[in-house]
Structure formats: C-alpha cells, structure tokens
Amino acid sequence: EPTEEMRKVYDIVLTAQTAAIESAKAG
C-alpha cells in the first residue's frame, strides 16, 4: 500500500497527464 503522500503525487501526475491528453490535437 502506498503512503498518503505517494497517492497524492500519483494523482497529481495523472491529473496533469489526463489534461494534456484531452488537449492534444493538431494545431
């Protein structure tokens, strides 16, 4: 089981990646 801090950091990275993928497009 990850610590609370590990979960927090993981979620931040996942949120950042999700936002970038949602914005990725030609142009």
PDB file of all heavy atoms in Angstrom:
ATOM      1  N   GLU A   1       0.830  -1.205   0.000  1.00  0.00           N
ATOM      2  CA  GLU A   1       0.000   0.000   0.000  1.00  0.00           C
ATOM      3  C   GLU A   1       0.864   1.255   0.000  1.00  0.00           C
ATOM      4  O   GLU A   1       1.796   1.379   0.799  1.00  0.00           O
ATOM      5  CB  GLU A   1      -0.919   0.015   1.223  1.00  0.00           C
ATOM      6  CG  GLU A   1      -2.038  -1.015   1.156  1.00  0.00           C
ATOM      7  CD  GLU A   1      -2.956  -0.774  -0.026  1.00  0.00           C
ATOM      8  OE1 GLU A   1      -3.314   0.389  -0.273  1.00  0.00           O
ATOM      9  OE2 GLU A   1      -3.318  -1.765  -0.700  1.00  0.00           O
ATOM     10  N   PRO A   2       0.568   2.213  -0.880  1.00  0.00           N
ATOM     11  CA  PRO A   2       1.312   3.473  -0.898  1.00  0.00           C
ATOM     12  C   PRO A   2       0.925   4.364   0.275  1.00  0.00           C
ATOM     13  O   PRO A   2      -0.174   4.250   0.824  1.00  0.00           O
ATOM     14  CB  PRO A   2       0.884   4.107  -2.223  1.00  0.00           C
ATOM     15  CG  PRO A   2      -0.491   3.565  -2.469  1.00  0.00           C
ATOM     16  CD  PRO A   2      -0.481   2.168  -1.918  1.00  0.00           C
ATOM     17  N   THR A   3       1.827   5.249   0.634  1.00  0.00           N
ATOM     18  CA  THR A   3       1.526   6.229   1.675  1.00  0.00           C
ATOM     19  C   THR A   3       0.584   7.290   1.120  1.00  0.00           C
ATOM     20  O   THR A   3       0.357   7.387  -0.101  1.00  0.00           O
ATOM     21  CB  THR A   3       2.811   6.911   2.173  1.00  0.00           C
ATOM     22  OG1 THR A   3       3.367   7.677   1.085  1.00  0.00           O
ATOM     23  CG2 THR A   3       3.831   5.883   2.662  1.00  0.00           C
ATOM     24  N   GLU A   4       0.080   8.117   2.009  1.00  0.00           N
ATOM     25  CA  GLU A   4      -0.805   9.202   1.585  1.00  0.00           C
ATOM     26  C   GLU A   4      -0.074  10.145   0.631  1.00  0.00           C
ATOM     27  O   GLU A   4      -0.648  10.604  -0.360  1.00  0.00           O
ATOM     28  CB  GLU A   4      -1.307   9.964   2.806  1.00  0.00           C
ATOM     29  CG  GLU A   4      -2.289  11.080   2.473  1.00  0.00           C
ATOM     30  CD  GLU A   4      -2.814  11.782   3.707  1.00  0.00           C
ATOM     31  OE1 GLU A   4      -2.738  11.195   4.815  1.00  0.00           O
ATOM     32  OE2 GLU A   4      -3.307  12.924   3.586  1.00  0.00           O
ATOM     33  N   GLU A   5       1.194  10.425   0.926  1.00  0.00           N
ATOM     34  CA  GLU A   5       1.971  11.319   0.050  1.00  0.00           C
ATOM     35  C   GLU A   5       2.183  10.693  -1.322  1.00  0.00           C
ATOM     36  O   GLU A   5       2.088  11.373  -2.353  1.00  0.00           O
ATOM     37  CB  GLU A   5       3.330  11.650   0.686  1.00  0.00           C
ATOM     38  CG  GLU A   5       4.152  12.615  -0.158  1.00  0.00           C
ATOM     39  CD  GLU A   5       5.543  12.868   0.416  1.00  0.00           C
ATOM     40  OE1 GLU A   5       6.021  12.024   1.216  1.00  0.00           O
ATOM     41  OE2 GLU A   5       6.145  13.887   0.041  1.00  0.00           O
ATOM     42  N   MET A   6       2.455   9.405  -1.355  1.00  0.00           N
ATOM     43  CA  MET A   6       2.636   8.715  -2.639  1.00  0.00           C
ATOM     44  C   MET A   6       1.367   8.785  -3.468  1.00  0.00           C
ATOM     45  O   MET A   6       1.407   9.045  -4.677  1.00  0.00           O
ATOM     46  CB  MET A   6       3.066   7.260  -2.392  1.00  0.00           C
ATOM     47  CG  MET A   6       4.477   7.125  -1.822  1.00  0.00           C
ATOM     48  SD  MET A   6       4.815   5.480  -1.125  1.00  0.00           S
ATOM     49  CE  MET A   6       4.903   4.476  -2.615  1.00  0.00           C
ATOM     50  N   ARG A   7       0.225   8.566  -2.839  1.00  0.00           N
ATOM     51  CA  ARG A   7      -1.048   8.667  -3.559  1.00  0.00           C
ATOM     52  C   ARG A   7      -1.280  10.078  -4.081  1.00  0.00           C
ATOM     53  O   ARG A   7      -1.756  10.270  -5.207  1.00  0.00           O
ATOM     54  CB  ARG A   7      -2.205   8.251  -2.640  1.00  0.00           C
ATOM     55  CG  ARG A   7      -2.307   6.756  -2.396  1.00  0.00           C
ATOM     56  CD  ARG A   7      -3.589   6.427  -1.642  1.00  0.00           C
ATOM     57  NE  ARG A   7      -3.706   5.008  -1.380  1.00  0.00           N
ATOM     58  CZ  ARG A   7      -4.191   4.114  -2.237  1.00  0.00           C
ATOM     59  NH1 ARG A   7      -4.625   4.532  -3.426  1.00  0.00           N
ATOM     60  NH2 ARG A   7      -4.259   2.845  -1.917  1.00  0.00           N
ATOM     61  N   LYS A   8      -0.977  11.057  -3.242  1.00  0.00           N
ATOM     62  CA  LYS A   8      -1.175  12.454  -3.628  1.00  0.00           C
ATOM     63  C   LYS A   8      -0.365  12.790  -4.864  1.00  0.00           C
ATOM     64  O   LYS A   8      -0.885  13.366  -5.839  1.00  0.00           O
ATOM     65  CB  LYS A   8      -0.789  13.371  -2.473  1.00  0.00           C
ATOM     66  CG  LYS A   8      -0.866  14.856  -2.808  1.00  0.00           C
ATOM     67  CD  LYS A   8      -0.361  15.702  -1.651  1.00  0.00           C
ATOM     68  CE  LYS A   8      -0.349  17.190  -2.014  1.00  0.00           C
ATOM     69  NZ  LYS A   8       0.183  18.011  -0.909  1.00  0.00           N
ATOM     70  N   VAL A   9       0.907  12.448  -4.863  1.00  0.00           N
ATOM     71  CA  VAL A   9       1.781  12.752  -6.001  1.00  0.00           C
ATOM     72  C   VAL A   9       1.321  11.992  -7.235  1.00  0.00           C
ATOM     73  O   VAL A   9       1.288  12.550  -8.347  1.00  0.00           O
ATOM     74  CB  VAL A   9       3.247  12.429  -5.652  1.00  0.00           C
ATOM     75  CG1 VAL A   9       4.127  12.484  -6.901  1.00  0.00           C
ATOM     76  CG2 VAL A   9       3.764  13.400  -4.600  1.00  0.00           C
ATOM     77  N   TYR A  10       0.970  10.739  -7.069  1.00  0.00           N
ATOM     78  CA  TYR A  10       0.490   9.951  -8.209  1.00  0.00           C
ATOM     79  C   TYR A  10      -0.733  10.616  -8.836  1.00  0.00           C
ATOM     80  O   TYR A  10      -0.827  10.747 -10.065  1.00  0.00           O
ATOM     81  CB  TYR A  10       0.144   8.524  -7.762  1.00  0.00           C
ATOM     82  CG  TYR A  10      -0.111   7.576  -8.914  1.00  0.00           C
ATOM     83  CD1 TYR A  10       0.874   6.719  -9.366  1.00  0.00           C
ATOM     84  CD2 TYR A  10      -1.351   7.558  -9.561  1.00  0.00           C
ATOM     85  CE1 TYR A  10       0.648   5.853 -10.432  1.00  0.00           C
ATOM     86  CE2 TYR A  10      -1.591   6.708 -10.626  1.00  0.00           C
ATOM     87  CZ  TYR A  10      -0.585   5.858 -11.057  1.00  0.00           C
ATOM     88  OH  TYR A  10      -0.826   5.024 -12.121  1.00  0.00           O
ATOM     89  N   ASP A  11      -1.659  11.055  -8.015  1.00  0.00           N
ATOM     90  CA  ASP A  11      -2.886  11.668  -8.525  1.00  0.00           C
ATOM     91  C   ASP A  11      -2.603  12.979  -9.254  1.00  0.00           C
ATOM     92  O   ASP A  11      -3.265  13.293 -10.254  1.00  0.00           O
ATOM     93  CB  ASP A  11      -3.869  11.910  -7.376  1.00  0.00           C
ATOM     94  CG  ASP A  11      -4.494  10.618  -6.849  1.00  0.00           C
ATOM     95  OD1 ASP A  11      -4.412   9.590  -7.563  1.00  0.00           O
ATOM     96  OD2 ASP A  11      -5.043  10.629  -5.735  1.00  0.00           O
ATOM     97  N   ILE A  12      -1.632  13.738  -8.776  1.00  0.00           N
ATOM     98  CA  ILE A  12      -1.266  14.993  -9.448  1.00  0.00           C
ATOM     99  C   ILE A  12      -0.708  14.693 -10.841  1.00  0.00           C
ATOM    100  O   ILE A  12      -1.080  15.337 -11.826  1.00  0.00           O
ATOM    101  CB  ILE A  12      -0.240  15.783  -8.608  1.00  0.00           C
ATOM    102  CG1 ILE A  12      -0.886  16.288  -7.316  1.00  0.00           C
ATOM    103  CG2 ILE A  12       0.329  16.962  -9.411  1.00  0.00           C
ATOM    104  CD1 ILE A  12       0.124  16.817  -6.305  1.00  0.00           C
ATOM    105  N   VAL A  13       0.175  13.712 -10.923  1.00  0.00           N
ATOM    106  CA  VAL A  13       0.762  13.346 -12.216  1.00  0.00           C
ATOM    107  C   VAL A  13      -0.325  12.852 -13.165  1.00  0.00           C
ATOM    108  O   VAL A  13      -0.367  13.227 -14.345  1.00  0.00           O
ATOM    109  CB  VAL A  13       1.863  12.275 -12.043  1.00  0.00           C
ATOM    110  CG1 VAL A  13       2.351  11.775 -13.403  1.00  0.00           C
ATOM    111  CG2 VAL A  13       3.038  12.841 -11.242  1.00  0.00           C
ATOM    112  N   LEU A  14      -1.225  12.029 -12.669  1.00  0.00           N
ATOM    113  CA  LEU A  14      -2.296  11.505 -13.511  1.00  0.00           C
ATOM    114  C   LEU A  14      -3.231  12.622 -13.982  1.00  0.00           C
ATOM    115  O   LEU A  14      -3.649  12.643 -15.143  1.00  0.00           O
ATOM    116  CB  LEU A  14      -3.081  10.442 -12.753  1.00  0.00           C
ATOM    117  CG  LEU A  14      -4.233   9.773 -13.522  1.00  0.00           C
ATOM    118  CD1 LEU A  14      -3.723   9.146 -14.820  1.00  0.00           C
ATOM    119  CD2 LEU A  14      -4.922   8.727 -12.650  1.00  0.00           C
ATOM    120  N   THR A  15      -3.536  13.566 -13.097  1.00  0.00           N
ATOM    121  CA  THR A  15      -4.374  14.699 -13.479  1.00  0.00           C
ATOM    122  C   THR A  15      -3.710  15.531 -14.567  1.00  0.00           C
ATOM    123  O   THR A  15      -4.355  15.945 -15.543  1.00  0.00           O
ATOM    124  CB  THR A  15      -4.672  15.581 -12.250  1.00  0.00           C
ATOM    125  OG1 THR A  15      -5.375  14.817 -11.272  1.00  0.00           O
ATOM    126  CG2 THR A  15      -5.506  16.796 -12.628  1.00  0.00           C
ATOM    127  N   ALA A  16      -2.409  15.762 -14.417  1.00  0.00           N
ATOM    128  CA  ALA A  16      -1.664  16.538 -15.418  1.00  0.00           C
ATOM    129  C   ALA A  16      -1.644  15.815 -16.758  1.00  0.00           C
ATOM    130  O   ALA A  16      -1.827  16.434 -17.820  1.00  0.00           O
ATOM    131  CB  ALA A  16      -0.237  16.790 -14.922  1.00  0.00           C
ATOM    132  N   GLN A  17      -1.425  14.513 -16.721  1.00  0.00           N
ATOM    133  CA  GLN A  17      -1.381  13.764 -17.973  1.00  0.00           C
ATOM    134  C   GLN A  17      -2.745  13.734 -18.642  1.00  0.00           C
ATOM    135  O   GLN A  17      -2.865  13.899 -19.863  1.00  0.00           O
ATOM    136  CB  GLN A  17      -0.893  12.339 -17.721  1.00  0.00           C
ATOM    137  CG  GLN A  17      -0.477  11.655 -19.011  1.00  0.00           C
ATOM    138  CD  GLN A  17      -0.775  10.169 -19.042  1.00  0.00           C
ATOM    139  OE1 GLN A  17      -1.736   9.709 -18.436  1.00  0.00           O
ATOM    140  NE2 GLN A  17       0.052   9.424 -19.761  1.00  0.00           N
ATOM    141  N   THR A  18      -3.790  13.517 -17.873  1.00  0.00           N
ATOM    142  CA  THR A  18      -5.144  13.472 -18.426  1.00  0.00           C
ATOM    143  C   THR A  18      -5.503  14.782 -19.104  1.00  0.00           C
ATOM    144  O   THR A  18      -6.062  14.796 -20.215  1.00  0.00           O
ATOM    145  CB  THR A  18      -6.159  13.154 -17.307  1.00  0.00           C
ATOM    146  OG1 THR A  18      -5.843  11.892 -16.727  1.00  0.00           O
ATOM    147  CG2 THR A  18      -7.575  13.114 -17.861  1.00  0.00           C
ATOM    148  N   ALA A  19      -5.174  15.899 -18.475  1.00  0.00           N
ATOM    149  CA  ALA A  19      -5.468  17.208 -19.050  1.00  0.00           C
ATOM    150  C   ALA A  19      -4.720  17.418 -20.357  1.00  0.00           C
ATOM    151  O   ALA A  19      -5.275  17.960 -21.325  1.00  0.00           O
ATOM    152  CB  ALA A  19      -5.118  18.308 -18.052  1.00  0.00           C
ATOM    153  N   ALA A  20      -3.467  16.998 -20.394  1.00  0.00           N
ATOM    154  CA  ALA A  20      -2.672  17.165 -21.618  1.00  0.00           C
ATOM    155  C   ALA A  20      -3.224  16.310 -22.747  1.00  0.00           C
ATOM    156  O   ALA A  20      -3.326  16.764 -23.896  1.00  0.00           O
ATOM    157  CB  ALA A  20      -1.207  16.828 -21.344  1.00  0.00           C
ATOM    158  N   ILE A  21      -3.586  15.076 -22.445  1.00  0.00           N
ATOM    159  CA  ILE A  21      -4.131  14.196 -23.483  1.00  0.00           C
ATOM    160  C   ILE A  21      -5.453  14.758 -24.010  1.00  0.00           C
ATOM    161  O   ILE A  21      -5.710  14.725 -25.220  1.00  0.00           O
ATOM    162  CB  ILE A  21      -4.311  12.763 -22.942  1.00  0.00           C
ATOM    163  CG1 ILE A  21      -2.937  12.117 -22.719  1.00  0.00           C
ATOM    164  CG2 ILE A  21      -5.143  11.911 -23.900  1.00  0.00           C
ATOM    165  CD1 ILE A  21      -2.982  10.763 -22.054  1.00  0.00           C
ATOM    166  N   GLU A  22      -6.273  15.297 -23.133  1.00  0.00           N
ATOM    167  CA  GLU A  22      -7.544  15.876 -23.568  1.00  0.00           C
ATOM    168  C   GLU A  22      -7.346  17.087 -24.471  1.00  0.00           C
ATOM    169  O   GLU A  22      -8.219  17.408 -25.294  1.00  0.00           O
ATOM    170  CB  GLU A  22      -8.376  16.267 -22.343  1.00  0.00           C
ATOM    171  CG  GLU A  22      -8.925  15.066 -21.583  1.00  0.00           C
ATOM    172  CD  GLU A  22      -9.664  15.454 -20.314  1.00  0.00           C
ATOM    173  OE1 GLU A  22      -9.580  16.649 -19.919  1.00  0.00           O
ATOM    174  OE2 GLU A  22     -10.309  14.579 -19.712  1.00  0.00           O
ATOM    175  N   SER A  23      -6.197  17.753 -24.360  1.00  0.00           N
ATOM    176  CA  SER A  23      -5.911  18.942 -25.166  1.00  0.00           C
ATOM    177  C   SER A  23      -5.050  18.645 -26.388  1.00  0.00           C
ATOM    178  O   SER A  23      -4.839  19.532 -27.216  1.00  0.00           O
ATOM    179  CB  SER A  23      -5.201  19.993 -24.305  1.00  0.00           C
ATOM    180  OG  SER A  23      -5.997  20.378 -23.213  1.00  0.00           O
ATOM    181  N   ALA A  24      -4.536  17.439 -26.496  1.00  0.00           N
ATOM    182  CA  ALA A  24      -3.619  17.093 -27.584  1.00  0.00           C
ATOM    183  C   ALA A  24      -4.382  16.958 -28.896  1.00  0.00           C
ATOM    184  O   ALA A  24      -5.304  16.153 -29.011  1.00  0.00           O
ATOM    185  CB  ALA A  24      -2.894  15.781 -27.266  1.00  0.00           C
ATOM    186  N   LYS A  25      -3.997  17.752 -29.868  1.00  0.00           N
ATOM    187  CA  LYS A  25      -4.627  17.713 -31.189  1.00  0.00           C
ATOM    188  C   LYS A  25      -3.749  18.471 -32.166  1.00  0.00           C
ATOM    189  O   LYS A  25      -2.847  19.232 -31.777  1.00  0.00           O
ATOM    190  CB  LYS A  25      -6.017  18.339 -31.148  1.00  0.00           C
ATOM    191  CG  LYS A  25      -6.023  19.792 -30.734  1.00  0.00           C
ATOM    192  CD  LYS A  25      -7.441  20.338 -30.662  1.00  0.00           C
ATOM    193  CE  LYS A  25      -7.435  21.801 -30.203  1.00  0.00           C
ATOM    194  NZ  LYS A  25      -8.822  22.350 -30.124  1.00  0.00           N
ATOM    195  N   ALA A  26      -4.002  18.273 -33.428  1.00  0.00           N
ATOM    196  CA  ALA A  26      -3.285  19.028 -34.457  1.00  0.00           C
ATOM    197  C   ALA A  26      -3.607  20.509 -34.295  1.00  0.00           C
ATOM    198  O   ALA A  26      -4.744  20.886 -34.009  1.00  0.00           O
ATOM    199  CB  ALA A  26      -3.700  18.538 -35.839  1.00  0.00           C
ATOM    200  N   GLY A  27      -2.570  21.339 -34.467  1.00  0.00           N
ATOM    201  CA  GLY A  27      -2.767  22.777 -34.391  1.00  0.00           C
ATOM    202  C   GLY A  27      -2.311  23.407 -33.094  1.00  0.00           C
ATOM    203  O   GLY A  27      -2.165  24.632 -33.022  1.00  0.00           O
TER     204      GLY A  27
END
